[in-house]
Amino acid sequence: MTAKKRTDITCLFLDIGGVLLTNGWDHHARRRAATRFKLDWAEMENRHSLNFETYEIGKLSLDDYLDRVVFHRKRSFTKRVFRDFMFEQSKALPGMLELMSRHKARYGLKIAVVSNEGRELNAYRIRKFKLDGLVDFFISSCFIHLRKPDLEIFRVALDMAQVPARQILFVENTPLFVQVAEGLGIQGLIHKNPASTSLKLASFGLSDVDGRKS
């Protein structure tokens, strides 16, 4: 049996979009939607920018968001068809769920998600990709009505984790969010791709189980 490498890290904070999965509803997905449903891109983006933060912090339902952004006028397609299209944009990023699962099993890590996501998209992604089998608890913006880069979302995450900040590693693809978390003493890792993240994890004492490259 291979001996475990010593590490001071006992907990990972993970983003979902851009780390574990594709972003749920970013500008690329919205551009595809505008093309698919023949929507006015500029109008859609303007309405999106005015409403999406409110949706992400749980103060607007997805139905209400869509009423404001897409269905403020009569359309030739249904809201259900459009919602299905939105959900279909979520894909697992190659190797990341497996990499984090191996690390959790090997090191007994506590894993939390710290993510900006609207409730319905968040629920779909948790269910579709079985994230609750990997993640111990979710600090999602829609649940706690705070979103990154608000420092308070990381304070809530620390309270829920009950782990000293120095023992937490935050894996995130947005450098600003990492910098904010580091202000509370949380260590940060900027994710770019599975191979580089695996190497960076190893530098924190979290080497991969059998040396496989994701």
N, C-alpha and C. Protein backbone atom coordinates (compact mmCIF):
# COMPACT_ATOMS: atom_id res chain seq x y z
N MET A 1 0.84 -1.20 0.00
CA MET A 1 0.00 0.00 0.00
C MET A 1 0.88 1.24 0.00
N THR A 2 0.61 2.16 -0.87
CA THR A 2 1.40 3.38 -0.98
C THR A 2 1.15 4.30 0.21
N ALA A 3 2.23 4.79 0.82
CA ALA A 3 2.08 5.69 1.96
C ALA A 3 1.53 7.03 1.51
N LYS A 4 0.71 7.61 2.34
CA LYS A 4 0.15 8.91 2.01
C LYS A 4 1.19 9.99 2.25
N LYS A 5 1.28 10.92 1.32
CA LYS A 5 2.18 12.05 1.47
C LYS A 5 1.58 13.03 2.47
N ARG A 6 2.43 13.57 3.30
CA ARG A 6 1.94 14.47 4.33
C ARG A 6 1.48 15.78 3.70
N THR A 7 0.36 16.29 4.19
CA THR A 7 -0.14 17.59 3.73
C THR A 7 -0.82 18.29 4.90
N ASP A 8 -0.72 19.62 4.90
CA ASP A 8 -1.42 20.41 5.91
C ASP A 8 -2.82 20.77 5.46
N ILE A 9 -3.16 20.49 4.21
CA ILE A 9 -4.48 20.81 3.67
C ILE A 9 -5.49 19.74 4.11
N THR A 10 -6.56 20.18 4.72
CA THR A 10 -7.61 19.23 5.15
C THR A 10 -8.95 19.51 4.48
N CYS A 11 -9.04 20.62 3.74
CA CYS A 11 -10.32 21.01 3.13
C CYS A 11 -10.05 21.72 1.81
N LEU A 12 -10.85 21.39 0.82
CA LEU A 12 -10.82 22.11 -0.45
C LEU A 12 -12.10 22.91 -0.61
N PHE A 13 -11.96 24.17 -1.01
CA PHE A 13 -13.07 24.96 -1.51
C PHE A 13 -12.97 24.92 -3.04
N LEU A 14 -14.04 24.54 -3.71
CA LEU A 14 -14.02 24.43 -5.16
C LEU A 14 -15.09 25.31 -5.79
N ASP A 15 -14.74 25.92 -6.91
CA ASP A 15 -15.75 26.52 -7.76
C ASP A 15 -16.35 25.41 -8.61
N ILE A 16 -17.56 25.63 -9.13
CA ILE A 16 -18.15 24.65 -10.06
C ILE A 16 -17.84 25.05 -11.49
N GLY A 17 -18.40 26.18 -11.95
CA GLY A 17 -18.23 26.61 -13.32
C GLY A 17 -16.80 27.02 -13.62
N GLY A 18 -16.18 26.34 -14.58
CA GLY A 18 -14.80 26.64 -14.94
C GLY A 18 -13.79 25.78 -14.22
N VAL A 19 -14.24 25.00 -13.23
CA VAL A 19 -13.35 24.09 -12.50
C VAL A 19 -13.84 22.65 -12.63
N LEU A 20 -15.04 22.38 -12.14
CA LEU A 20 -15.60 21.03 -12.25
C LEU A 20 -16.41 20.86 -13.53
N LEU A 21 -17.19 21.88 -13.84
CA LEU A 21 -18.06 21.85 -15.01
C LEU A 21 -17.83 23.10 -15.86
N THR A 22 -18.40 23.08 -17.06
CA THR A 22 -18.43 24.32 -17.84
C THR A 22 -19.29 25.34 -17.09
N ASN A 23 -19.15 26.60 -17.44
CA ASN A 23 -20.02 27.62 -16.86
C ASN A 23 -21.46 27.33 -17.26
N GLY A 24 -22.38 27.57 -16.33
CA GLY A 24 -23.76 27.21 -16.58
C GLY A 24 -24.45 28.08 -17.62
N TRP A 25 -24.17 29.39 -17.59
CA TRP A 25 -24.91 30.30 -18.48
C TRP A 25 -24.06 31.52 -18.76
N ASP A 26 -22.90 31.28 -19.37
CA ASP A 26 -21.98 32.39 -19.66
C ASP A 26 -22.29 33.00 -21.02
N HIS A 27 -21.47 33.95 -21.44
CA HIS A 27 -21.77 34.67 -22.69
C HIS A 27 -21.68 33.75 -23.91
N HIS A 28 -20.85 32.71 -23.82
CA HIS A 28 -20.78 31.75 -24.94
C HIS A 28 -22.11 31.00 -25.07
N ALA A 29 -22.63 30.54 -23.93
CA ALA A 29 -23.91 29.82 -23.96
C ALA A 29 -25.04 30.74 -24.40
N ARG A 30 -25.02 31.99 -23.95
CA ARG A 30 -26.06 32.93 -24.35
C ARG A 30 -25.97 33.26 -25.84
N ARG A 31 -24.75 33.34 -26.35
CA ARG A 31 -24.59 33.58 -27.79
C ARG A 31 -25.16 32.40 -28.59
N ARG A 32 -24.91 31.19 -28.11
CA ARG A 32 -25.49 30.02 -28.79
C ARG A 32 -27.01 30.05 -28.73
N ALA A 33 -27.54 30.47 -27.59
CA ALA A 33 -29.00 30.56 -27.46
C ALA A 33 -29.57 31.61 -28.41
N ALA A 34 -28.90 32.75 -28.51
CA ALA A 34 -29.38 33.81 -29.40
C ALA A 34 -29.42 33.32 -30.84
N THR A 35 -28.40 32.56 -31.23
CA THR A 35 -28.36 32.01 -32.59
C THR A 35 -29.44 30.94 -32.78
N ARG A 36 -29.52 30.03 -31.82
CA ARG A 36 -30.47 28.91 -31.93
C ARG A 36 -31.92 29.40 -31.99
N PHE A 37 -32.25 30.40 -31.16
CA PHE A 37 -33.65 30.85 -31.06
C PHE A 37 -33.91 32.16 -31.79
N LYS A 38 -32.89 32.61 -32.54
CA LYS A 38 -33.03 33.84 -33.34
C LYS A 38 -33.45 35.03 -32.49
N LEU A 39 -32.69 35.26 -31.43
CA LEU A 39 -32.94 36.37 -30.53
C LEU A 39 -32.04 37.55 -30.86
N ASP A 40 -32.47 38.73 -30.50
CA ASP A 40 -31.66 39.93 -30.64
C ASP A 40 -30.57 39.89 -29.56
N TRP A 41 -29.34 39.64 -29.97
CA TRP A 41 -28.24 39.44 -29.02
C TRP A 41 -28.03 40.65 -28.11
N ALA A 42 -27.99 41.83 -28.68
CA ALA A 42 -27.71 43.03 -27.88
C ALA A 42 -28.82 43.26 -26.85
N GLU A 43 -30.06 43.09 -27.27
CA GLU A 43 -31.18 43.27 -26.33
C GLU A 43 -31.12 42.22 -25.23
N MET A 44 -30.87 40.98 -25.61
CA MET A 44 -30.80 39.90 -24.62
C MET A 44 -29.69 40.15 -23.60
N GLU A 45 -28.51 40.55 -24.09
CA GLU A 45 -27.39 40.80 -23.19
C GLU A 45 -27.67 41.96 -22.24
N ASN A 46 -28.31 43.00 -22.74
CA ASN A 46 -28.64 44.13 -21.89
C ASN A 46 -29.60 43.70 -20.78
N ARG A 47 -30.63 42.97 -21.14
CA ARG A 47 -31.59 42.51 -20.14
C ARG A 47 -30.96 41.51 -19.18
N HIS A 48 -30.09 40.67 -19.70
CA HIS A 48 -29.37 39.72 -18.84
C HIS A 48 -28.54 40.44 -17.79
N SER A 49 -27.77 41.43 -18.23
CA SER A 49 -26.88 42.15 -17.31
C SER A 49 -27.64 42.84 -16.19
N LEU A 50 -28.88 43.23 -16.46
CA LEU A 50 -29.69 43.92 -15.46
C LEU A 50 -30.35 42.97 -14.48
N ASN A 51 -30.41 41.68 -14.82
CA ASN A 51 -31.19 40.74 -14.00
C ASN A 51 -30.43 39.55 -13.45
N PHE A 52 -29.28 39.21 -14.03
CA PHE A 52 -28.67 37.93 -13.67
C PHE A 52 -28.10 37.91 -12.26
N GLU A 53 -27.53 38.99 -11.80
CA GLU A 53 -27.01 39.01 -10.43
C GLU A 53 -28.13 38.76 -9.43
N THR A 54 -29.29 39.35 -9.68
CA THR A 54 -30.44 39.14 -8.79
C THR A 54 -30.87 37.68 -8.80
N TYR A 55 -30.80 37.05 -9.97
CA TYR A 55 -31.10 35.62 -10.05
C TYR A 55 -30.06 34.79 -9.29
N GLU A 56 -28.79 35.11 -9.45
CA GLU A 56 -27.73 34.33 -8.81
C GLU A 56 -27.78 34.40 -7.29
N ILE A 57 -28.23 35.50 -6.74
CA ILE A 57 -28.29 35.60 -5.28
C ILE A 57 -29.63 35.11 -4.73
N GLY A 58 -30.43 34.46 -5.56
CA GLY A 58 -31.62 33.80 -5.09
C GLY A 58 -32.81 34.69 -4.86
N LYS A 59 -32.82 35.87 -5.45
CA LYS A 59 -33.93 36.78 -5.26
C LYS A 59 -34.83 36.88 -6.49
N LEU A 60 -34.58 36.00 -7.45
CA LEU A 60 -35.36 35.94 -8.67
C LEU A 60 -35.37 34.49 -9.12
N SER A 61 -36.54 33.96 -9.44
CA SER A 61 -36.61 32.59 -9.93
C SER A 61 -36.16 32.53 -11.38
N LEU A 62 -35.84 31.35 -11.86
CA LEU A 62 -35.46 31.21 -13.26
C LEU A 62 -36.61 31.61 -14.18
N ASP A 63 -37.82 31.25 -13.81
CA ASP A 63 -38.98 31.65 -14.62
C ASP A 63 -39.07 33.16 -14.73
N ASP A 64 -38.87 33.85 -13.61
CA ASP A 64 -38.94 35.31 -13.63
C ASP A 64 -37.79 35.91 -14.44
N TYR A 65 -36.59 35.33 -14.28
CA TYR A 65 -35.45 35.77 -15.07
C TYR A 65 -35.75 35.65 -16.57
N LEU A 66 -36.28 34.51 -16.97
CA LEU A 66 -36.59 34.29 -18.39
C LEU A 66 -37.71 35.21 -18.86
N ASP A 67 -38.69 35.48 -18.00
CA ASP A 67 -39.75 36.43 -18.37
C ASP A 67 -39.17 37.80 -18.67
N ARG A 68 -38.16 38.19 -17.94
CA ARG A 68 -37.57 39.51 -18.12
C ARG A 68 -36.58 39.58 -19.28
N VAL A 69 -35.87 38.48 -19.51
CA VAL A 69 -34.77 38.51 -20.47
C VAL A 69 -35.16 38.00 -21.85
N VAL A 70 -36.03 36.99 -21.90
CA VAL A 70 -36.39 36.37 -23.19
C VAL A 70 -37.87 36.50 -23.51
N PHE A 71 -38.72 36.22 -22.53
CA PHE A 71 -40.16 36.10 -22.80
C PHE A 71 -40.94 37.37 -22.44
N HIS A 72 -40.28 38.52 -22.57
CA HIS A 72 -40.98 39.78 -22.40
C HIS A 72 -41.82 40.10 -23.64
N ARG A 73 -41.64 39.28 -24.66
CA ARG A 73 -42.48 39.38 -25.86
C ARG A 73 -42.82 37.97 -26.32
N LYS A 74 -43.82 37.84 -27.16
CA LYS A 74 -44.27 36.54 -27.63
C LYS A 74 -43.18 35.87 -28.45
N ARG A 75 -42.94 34.57 -28.18
CA ARG A 75 -41.93 33.81 -28.89
C ARG A 75 -42.55 32.61 -29.59
N SER A 76 -41.83 32.08 -30.56
CA SER A 76 -42.31 30.91 -31.30
C SER A 76 -41.94 29.60 -30.60
N PHE A 77 -41.25 29.69 -29.48
CA PHE A 77 -40.83 28.51 -28.71
C PHE A 77 -41.30 28.69 -27.27
N THR A 78 -41.35 27.58 -26.54
CA THR A 78 -41.84 27.63 -25.16
C THR A 78 -40.70 27.88 -24.17
N LYS A 79 -41.09 28.28 -23.01
CA LYS A 79 -40.12 28.49 -21.94
C LYS A 79 -39.44 27.16 -21.57
N ARG A 80 -40.18 26.08 -21.60
CA ARG A 80 -39.60 24.77 -21.28
C ARG A 80 -38.50 24.39 -22.27
N VAL A 81 -38.73 24.64 -23.54
CA VAL A 81 -37.71 24.34 -24.55
C VAL A 81 -36.46 25.18 -24.30
N PHE A 82 -36.64 26.43 -23.96
CA PHE A 82 -35.50 27.30 -23.72
C PHE A 82 -34.76 26.88 -22.45
N ARG A 83 -35.50 26.53 -21.40
CA ARG A 83 -34.86 26.06 -20.16
C ARG A 83 -34.04 24.80 -20.42
N ASP A 84 -34.60 23.88 -21.19
CA ASP A 84 -33.87 22.65 -21.51
C ASP A 84 -32.56 22.97 -22.23
N PHE A 85 -32.62 23.94 -23.13
CA PHE A 85 -31.41 24.35 -23.83
C PHE A 85 -30.38 24.91 -22.84
N MET A 86 -30.83 25.74 -21.93
CA MET A 86 -29.93 26.29 -20.91
C MET A 86 -29.23 25.17 -20.14
N PHE A 87 -30.00 24.20 -19.68
CA PHE A 87 -29.43 23.12 -18.87
C PHE A 87 -28.45 22.27 -19.68
N GLU A 88 -28.73 22.11 -20.96
CA GLU A 88 -27.87 21.28 -21.82
C GLU A 88 -26.49 21.89 -22.03
N GLN A 89 -26.31 23.15 -21.71
CA GLN A 89 -25.00 23.78 -21.88
C GLN A 89 -24.00 23.33 -20.83
N SER A 90 -24.47 22.70 -19.77
CA SER A 90 -23.58 22.24 -18.70
C SER A 90 -22.94 20.92 -19.08
N LYS A 91 -21.61 20.88 -19.06
CA LYS A 91 -20.85 19.68 -19.35
C LYS A 91 -19.77 19.52 -18.28
N ALA A 92 -19.42 18.28 -17.99
CA ALA A 92 -18.30 18.03 -17.07
C ALA A 92 -16.99 18.37 -17.77
N LEU A 93 -16.10 19.06 -17.07
CA LEU A 93 -14.78 19.32 -17.62
C LEU A 93 -13.94 18.05 -17.49
N PRO A 94 -13.28 17.63 -18.56
CA PRO A 94 -12.57 16.35 -18.57
C PRO A 94 -11.60 16.19 -17.40
N GLY A 95 -11.77 15.12 -16.65
CA GLY A 95 -10.82 14.73 -15.64
C GLY A 95 -10.96 15.37 -14.28
N MET A 96 -11.71 16.47 -14.14
CA MET A 96 -11.70 17.21 -12.88
C MET A 96 -12.50 16.53 -11.78
N LEU A 97 -13.66 16.00 -12.09
CA LEU A 97 -14.44 15.31 -11.06
C LEU A 97 -13.67 14.09 -10.56
N GLU A 98 -13.04 13.38 -11.48
CA GLU A 98 -12.27 12.20 -11.10
C GLU A 98 -11.05 12.56 -10.26
N LEU A 99 -10.36 13.63 -10.66
CA LEU A 99 -9.19 14.09 -9.91
C LEU A 99 -9.56 14.45 -8.48
N MET A 100 -10.63 15.22 -8.30
CA MET A 100 -11.03 15.63 -6.97
C MET A 100 -11.55 14.45 -6.15
N SER A 101 -12.20 13.52 -6.79
CA SER A 101 -12.69 12.32 -6.08
C SER A 101 -11.51 11.49 -5.57
N ARG A 102 -10.47 11.34 -6.38
CA ARG A 102 -9.29 10.58 -5.94
C ARG A 102 -8.62 11.27 -4.76
N HIS A 103 -8.51 12.59 -4.83
CA HIS A 103 -7.86 13.32 -3.73
C HIS A 103 -8.68 13.22 -2.44
N LYS A 104 -9.98 13.33 -2.58
CA LYS A 104 -10.82 13.22 -1.38
C LYS A 104 -10.66 11.86 -0.73
N ALA A 105 -10.68 10.80 -1.54
CA ALA A 105 -10.57 9.45 -1.00
C ALA A 105 -9.20 9.20 -0.38
N ARG A 106 -8.16 9.69 -1.01
CA ARG A 106 -6.82 9.41 -0.51
C ARG A 106 -6.49 10.19 0.76
N TYR A 107 -6.91 11.45 0.82
CA TYR A 107 -6.50 12.31 1.92
C TYR A 107 -7.60 12.59 2.94
N GLY A 108 -8.79 12.03 2.71
CA GLY A 108 -9.89 12.28 3.65
C GLY A 108 -10.27 13.74 3.71
N LEU A 109 -10.21 14.43 2.58
CA LEU A 109 -10.46 15.86 2.55
C LEU A 109 -11.94 16.18 2.73
N LYS A 110 -12.21 17.27 3.40
CA LYS A 110 -13.54 17.87 3.39
C LYS A 110 -13.62 18.75 2.14
N ILE A 111 -14.71 18.64 1.40
CA ILE A 111 -14.83 19.42 0.17
C ILE A 111 -16.11 20.26 0.21
N ALA A 112 -15.93 21.54 -0.07
CA ALA A 112 -17.06 22.47 -0.14
C ALA A 112 -17.03 23.19 -1.48
N VAL A 113 -18.19 23.49 -1.98
CA VAL A 113 -18.32 24.33 -3.17
C VAL A 113 -18.60 25.76 -2.73
N VAL A 114 -17.89 26.71 -3.32
CA VAL A 114 -18.15 28.14 -3.13
C VAL A 114 -18.38 28.69 -4.53
N SER A 115 -19.66 28.93 -4.86
CA SER A 115 -20.00 29.16 -6.25
C SER A 115 -21.10 30.20 -6.42
N ASN A 116 -21.00 30.97 -7.50
CA ASN A 116 -22.07 31.87 -7.90
C ASN A 116 -22.97 31.13 -8.89
N GLU A 117 -24.15 30.71 -8.44
CA GLU A 117 -25.07 30.02 -9.33
C GLU A 117 -26.50 30.29 -8.90
N GLY A 118 -27.39 30.40 -9.90
CA GLY A 118 -28.81 30.51 -9.62
C GLY A 118 -29.37 29.17 -9.17
N ARG A 119 -30.48 29.21 -8.46
CA ARG A 119 -31.00 28.01 -7.79
C ARG A 119 -31.32 26.87 -8.74
N GLU A 120 -32.06 27.13 -9.79
CA GLU A 120 -32.48 26.04 -10.67
C GLU A 120 -31.31 25.44 -11.44
N LEU A 121 -30.40 26.28 -11.91
CA LEU A 121 -29.21 25.77 -12.58
C LEU A 121 -28.34 25.00 -11.60
N ASN A 122 -28.17 25.52 -10.41
CA ASN A 122 -27.38 24.86 -9.38
C ASN A 122 -27.95 23.48 -9.05
N ALA A 123 -29.26 23.42 -8.85
CA ALA A 123 -29.91 22.15 -8.51
C ALA A 123 -29.75 21.14 -9.64
N TYR A 124 -29.93 21.60 -10.88
CA TYR A 124 -29.79 20.71 -12.02
C TYR A 124 -28.37 20.16 -12.10
N ARG A 125 -27.37 21.00 -11.92
CA ARG A 125 -25.97 20.59 -12.05
C ARG A 125 -25.56 19.64 -10.93
N ILE A 126 -26.04 19.90 -9.73
CA ILE A 126 -25.76 18.98 -8.61
C ILE A 126 -26.34 17.61 -8.91
N ARG A 127 -27.58 17.59 -9.37
CA ARG A 127 -28.26 16.31 -9.65
C ARG A 127 -27.67 15.61 -10.86
N LYS A 128 -27.49 16.32 -11.96
CA LYS A 128 -27.03 15.73 -13.21
C LYS A 128 -25.65 15.11 -13.07
N PHE A 129 -24.74 15.80 -12.39
CA PHE A 129 -23.36 15.36 -12.30
C PHE A 129 -23.02 14.73 -10.95
N LYS A 130 -24.06 14.48 -10.15
CA LYS A 130 -23.91 13.79 -8.86
C LYS A 130 -22.85 14.47 -7.98
N LEU A 131 -22.90 15.79 -7.95
CA LEU A 131 -21.91 16.54 -7.18
C LEU A 131 -22.04 16.31 -5.68
N ASP A 132 -23.24 15.95 -5.24
CA ASP A 132 -23.42 15.69 -3.80
C ASP A 132 -22.70 14.44 -3.35
N GLY A 133 -22.23 13.60 -4.29
CA GLY A 133 -21.41 12.46 -3.94
C GLY A 133 -19.96 12.84 -3.69
N LEU A 134 -19.55 13.99 -4.16
CA LEU A 134 -18.19 14.50 -3.96
C LEU A 134 -18.14 15.59 -2.91
N VAL A 135 -19.13 16.47 -2.93
CA VAL A 135 -19.11 17.69 -2.12
C VAL A 135 -19.86 17.48 -0.81
N ASP A 136 -19.25 17.94 0.29
CA ASP A 136 -19.87 17.80 1.61
C ASP A 136 -20.92 18.87 1.86
N PHE A 137 -20.68 20.07 1.38
CA PHE A 137 -21.69 21.12 1.52
C PHE A 137 -21.46 22.20 0.47
N PHE A 138 -22.56 22.89 0.15
CA PHE A 138 -22.57 23.87 -0.93
C PHE A 138 -22.81 25.27 -0.39
N ILE A 139 -21.86 26.16 -0.60
CA ILE A 139 -22.05 27.57 -0.30
C ILE A 139 -22.33 28.24 -1.64
N SER A 140 -23.56 28.10 -2.09
CA SER A 140 -23.97 28.64 -3.39
C SER A 140 -24.61 30.00 -3.17
N SER A 141 -24.35 30.92 -4.08
CA SER A 141 -24.86 32.28 -3.94
C SER A 141 -26.38 32.30 -3.80
N CYS A 142 -27.07 31.37 -4.48
CA CYS A 142 -28.53 31.36 -4.43
C CYS A 142 -29.05 30.93 -3.06
N PHE A 143 -28.24 30.21 -2.28
CA PHE A 143 -28.67 29.74 -0.96
C PHE A 143 -28.45 30.80 0.12
N ILE A 144 -27.35 31.54 0.02
CA ILE A 144 -26.99 32.44 1.12
C ILE A 144 -27.11 33.92 0.74
N HIS A 145 -27.56 34.19 -0.50
CA HIS A 145 -27.82 35.56 -0.96
C HIS A 145 -26.58 36.44 -0.93
N LEU A 146 -25.43 35.82 -1.18
CA LEU A 146 -24.16 36.52 -1.33
C LEU A 146 -23.46 35.91 -2.53
N ARG A 147 -22.64 36.69 -3.20
CA ARG A 147 -21.92 36.14 -4.35
C ARG A 147 -20.48 36.65 -4.35
N LYS A 148 -19.59 35.82 -4.87
CA LYS A 148 -18.22 36.26 -5.05
C LYS A 148 -18.20 37.46 -6.00
N PRO A 149 -17.37 38.47 -5.75
CA PRO A 149 -16.24 38.51 -4.82
C PRO A 149 -16.55 39.08 -3.43
N ASP A 150 -17.78 39.09 -2.99
CA ASP A 150 -18.09 39.57 -1.64
C ASP A 150 -17.31 38.74 -0.62
N LEU A 151 -16.53 39.41 0.22
CA LEU A 151 -15.71 38.72 1.22
C LEU A 151 -16.57 37.88 2.16
N GLU A 152 -17.81 38.32 2.37
CA GLU A 152 -18.68 37.65 3.34
C GLU A 152 -18.99 36.21 2.93
N ILE A 153 -19.01 35.90 1.63
CA ILE A 153 -19.31 34.53 1.23
C ILE A 153 -18.21 33.58 1.71
N PHE A 154 -16.98 34.07 1.76
CA PHE A 154 -15.88 33.24 2.25
C PHE A 154 -15.90 33.13 3.78
N ARG A 155 -16.36 34.17 4.44
CA ARG A 155 -16.53 34.07 5.90
C ARG A 155 -17.58 33.02 6.24
N VAL A 156 -18.68 33.01 5.48
CA VAL A 156 -19.71 31.99 5.69
C VAL A 156 -19.14 30.60 5.44
N ALA A 157 -18.36 30.47 4.37
CA ALA A 157 -17.75 29.18 4.04
C ALA A 157 -16.83 28.71 5.17
N LEU A 158 -16.06 29.62 5.73
CA LEU A 158 -15.18 29.26 6.85
C LEU A 158 -15.99 28.82 8.06
N ASP A 159 -17.08 29.52 8.35
CA ASP A 159 -17.94 29.15 9.47
C ASP A 159 -18.52 27.76 9.28
N MET A 160 -18.94 27.45 8.07
CA MET A 160 -19.54 26.15 7.80
C MET A 160 -18.50 25.03 7.82
N ALA A 161 -17.32 25.33 7.31
CA ALA A 161 -16.27 24.30 7.24
C ALA A 161 -15.72 23.96 8.61
N GLN A 162 -15.62 24.96 9.49
CA GLN A 162 -15.00 24.77 10.80
C GLN A 162 -13.61 24.16 10.66
N VAL A 163 -12.86 24.74 9.75
CA VAL A 163 -11.48 24.35 9.48
C VAL A 163 -10.65 25.63 9.47
N PRO A 164 -9.47 25.66 10.09
CA PRO A 164 -8.64 26.86 10.03
C PRO A 164 -8.34 27.26 8.59
N ALA A 165 -8.35 28.56 8.33
CA ALA A 165 -8.16 29.04 6.96
C ALA A 165 -6.87 28.52 6.35
N ARG A 166 -5.81 28.39 7.15
CA ARG A 166 -4.52 27.96 6.60
C ARG A 166 -4.54 26.51 6.12
N GLN A 167 -5.56 25.75 6.53
CA GLN A 167 -5.67 24.35 6.11
C GLN A 167 -6.62 24.18 4.92
N ILE A 168 -7.07 25.29 4.34
CA ILE A 168 -8.01 25.25 3.22
C ILE A 168 -7.32 25.71 1.94
N LEU A 169 -7.57 24.98 0.87
CA LEU A 169 -7.08 25.36 -0.45
C LEU A 169 -8.27 25.63 -1.35
N PHE A 170 -8.32 26.82 -1.93
CA PHE A 170 -9.43 27.24 -2.78
C PHE A 170 -9.02 27.08 -4.24
N VAL A 171 -9.71 26.20 -4.97
CA VAL A 171 -9.42 25.94 -6.38
C VAL A 171 -10.46 26.70 -7.21
N GLU A 172 -10.00 27.69 -7.96
CA GLU A 172 -10.88 28.65 -8.63
C GLU A 172 -10.21 29.12 -9.92
N ASN A 173 -10.99 29.38 -10.95
CA ASN A 173 -10.41 29.82 -12.22
C ASN A 173 -10.41 31.34 -12.41
N THR A 174 -10.95 32.08 -11.44
CA THR A 174 -10.96 33.54 -11.53
C THR A 174 -9.97 34.12 -10.51
N PRO A 175 -8.86 34.68 -10.97
CA PRO A 175 -7.82 35.16 -10.04
C PRO A 175 -8.33 36.13 -8.98
N LEU A 176 -9.23 37.04 -9.33
CA LEU A 176 -9.74 38.00 -8.35
C LEU A 176 -10.38 37.28 -7.16
N PHE A 177 -11.15 36.25 -7.41
CA PHE A 177 -11.82 35.54 -6.32
C PHE A 177 -10.80 34.85 -5.42
N VAL A 178 -9.73 34.34 -6.00
CA VAL A 178 -8.66 33.74 -5.21
C VAL A 178 -8.01 34.79 -4.33
N GLN A 179 -7.76 35.97 -4.89
CA GLN A 179 -7.13 37.05 -4.12
C GLN A 179 -7.99 37.47 -2.95
N VAL A 180 -9.30 37.54 -3.15
CA VAL A 180 -10.22 37.92 -2.06
C VAL A 180 -10.16 36.87 -0.95
N ALA A 181 -10.21 35.60 -1.31
CA ALA A 181 -10.17 34.52 -0.32
C ALA A 181 -8.84 34.53 0.44
N GLU A 182 -7.77 34.83 -0.26
CA GLU A 182 -6.46 34.87 0.40
C GLU A 182 -6.39 35.96 1.45
N GLY A 183 -7.23 36.98 1.31
CA GLY A 183 -7.29 38.03 2.32
C GLY A 183 -7.75 37.53 3.68
N LEU A 184 -8.39 36.36 3.71
CA LEU A 184 -8.82 35.74 4.96
C LEU A 184 -7.88 34.63 5.41
N GLY A 185 -6.76 34.49 4.70
CA GLY A 185 -5.79 33.46 5.06
C GLY A 185 -5.99 32.13 4.38
N ILE A 186 -6.98 32.06 3.48
CA ILE A 186 -7.22 30.85 2.70
C ILE A 186 -6.17 30.77 1.60
N GLN A 187 -5.60 29.61 1.39
CA GLN A 187 -4.63 29.44 0.32
C GLN A 187 -5.37 29.25 -1.01
N GLY A 188 -4.76 29.72 -2.09
CA GLY A 188 -5.43 29.70 -3.38
C GLY A 188 -4.66 28.96 -4.46
N LEU A 189 -5.42 28.40 -5.38
CA LEU A 189 -4.87 27.72 -6.56
C LEU A 189 -5.71 28.14 -7.75
N ILE A 190 -5.08 28.79 -8.72
CA ILE A 190 -5.81 29.22 -9.92
C ILE A 190 -5.82 28.08 -10.92
N HIS A 191 -7.01 27.57 -11.20
CA HIS A 191 -7.17 26.44 -12.10
C HIS A 191 -7.13 26.90 -13.55
N LYS A 192 -6.33 26.18 -14.36
CA LYS A 192 -6.29 26.42 -15.80
C LYS A 192 -6.66 25.17 -16.58
N ASN A 193 -6.10 24.04 -16.17
CA ASN A 193 -6.42 22.76 -16.80
C ASN A 193 -6.08 21.64 -15.81
N PRO A 194 -6.59 20.44 -16.03
CA PRO A 194 -6.37 19.36 -15.07
C PRO A 194 -4.90 19.05 -14.81
N ALA A 195 -4.07 19.05 -15.84
CA ALA A 195 -2.67 18.70 -15.67
C ALA A 195 -1.95 19.70 -14.76
N SER A 196 -2.13 21.00 -15.02
CA SER A 196 -1.46 22.00 -14.19
C SER A 196 -2.02 22.03 -12.78
N THR A 197 -3.31 21.81 -12.65
CA THR A 197 -3.91 21.78 -11.30
C THR A 197 -3.41 20.58 -10.52
N SER A 198 -3.25 19.44 -11.18
CA SER A 198 -2.71 18.26 -10.50
C SER A 198 -1.31 18.54 -9.98
N LEU A 199 -0.48 19.21 -10.78
CA LEU A 199 0.88 19.55 -10.35
C LEU A 199 0.86 20.54 -9.18
N LYS A 200 -0.04 21.52 -9.27
CA LYS A 200 -0.13 22.52 -8.19
C LYS A 200 -0.63 21.87 -6.90
N LEU A 201 -1.59 20.96 -7.01
CA LEU A 201 -2.06 20.23 -5.82
C LEU A 201 -0.91 19.47 -5.18
N ALA A 202 -0.07 18.85 -6.01
CA ALA A 202 1.08 18.10 -5.49
C ALA A 202 2.02 19.00 -4.72
N SER A 203 2.13 20.27 -5.14
CA SER A 203 3.02 21.21 -4.43
C SER A 203 2.50 21.53 -3.04
N PHE A 204 1.20 21.29 -2.81
CA PHE A 204 0.60 21.45 -1.48
C PHE A 204 0.58 20.14 -0.71
N GLY A 205 1.25 19.11 -1.24
CA GLY A 205 1.28 17.82 -0.58
C GLY A 205 0.15 16.90 -0.97
N LEU A 206 -0.62 17.29 -2.00
CA LEU A 206 -1.76 16.49 -2.45
C LEU A 206 -1.44 15.86 -3.81
N SER A 207 -0.55 14.87 -3.78
CA SER A 207 -0.18 14.21 -5.03
C SER A 207 -1.28 13.25 -5.45
N ASP A 208 -1.36 13.00 -6.75
CA ASP A 208 -2.41 12.14 -7.28
C ASP A 208 -2.18 10.70 -6.80
N VAL A 209 -3.25 9.92 -6.79
CA VAL A 209 -3.22 8.57 -6.20
C VAL A 209 -2.17 7.69 -6.83
N ASP A 210 -2.15 7.66 -8.18
CA ASP A 210 -1.24 6.73 -8.84
C ASP A 210 -0.40 7.41 -9.92
N GLY A 211 -0.37 8.76 -9.83
CA GLY A 211 0.48 9.49 -10.76
C GLY A 211 -0.12 9.69 -12.12
N ARG A 212 -1.37 9.27 -12.31
CA ARG A 212 -1.98 9.46 -13.62
C ARG A 212 -2.18 10.93 -13.90
N LYS A 213 -2.06 11.31 -15.13
CA LYS A 213 -2.32 12.69 -15.53
C LYS A 213 -3.74 12.78 -16.03
N SER A 214 -4.47 13.82 -15.51
CA SER A 214 -5.85 13.97 -15.93
C SER A 214 -5.90 14.68 -17.27
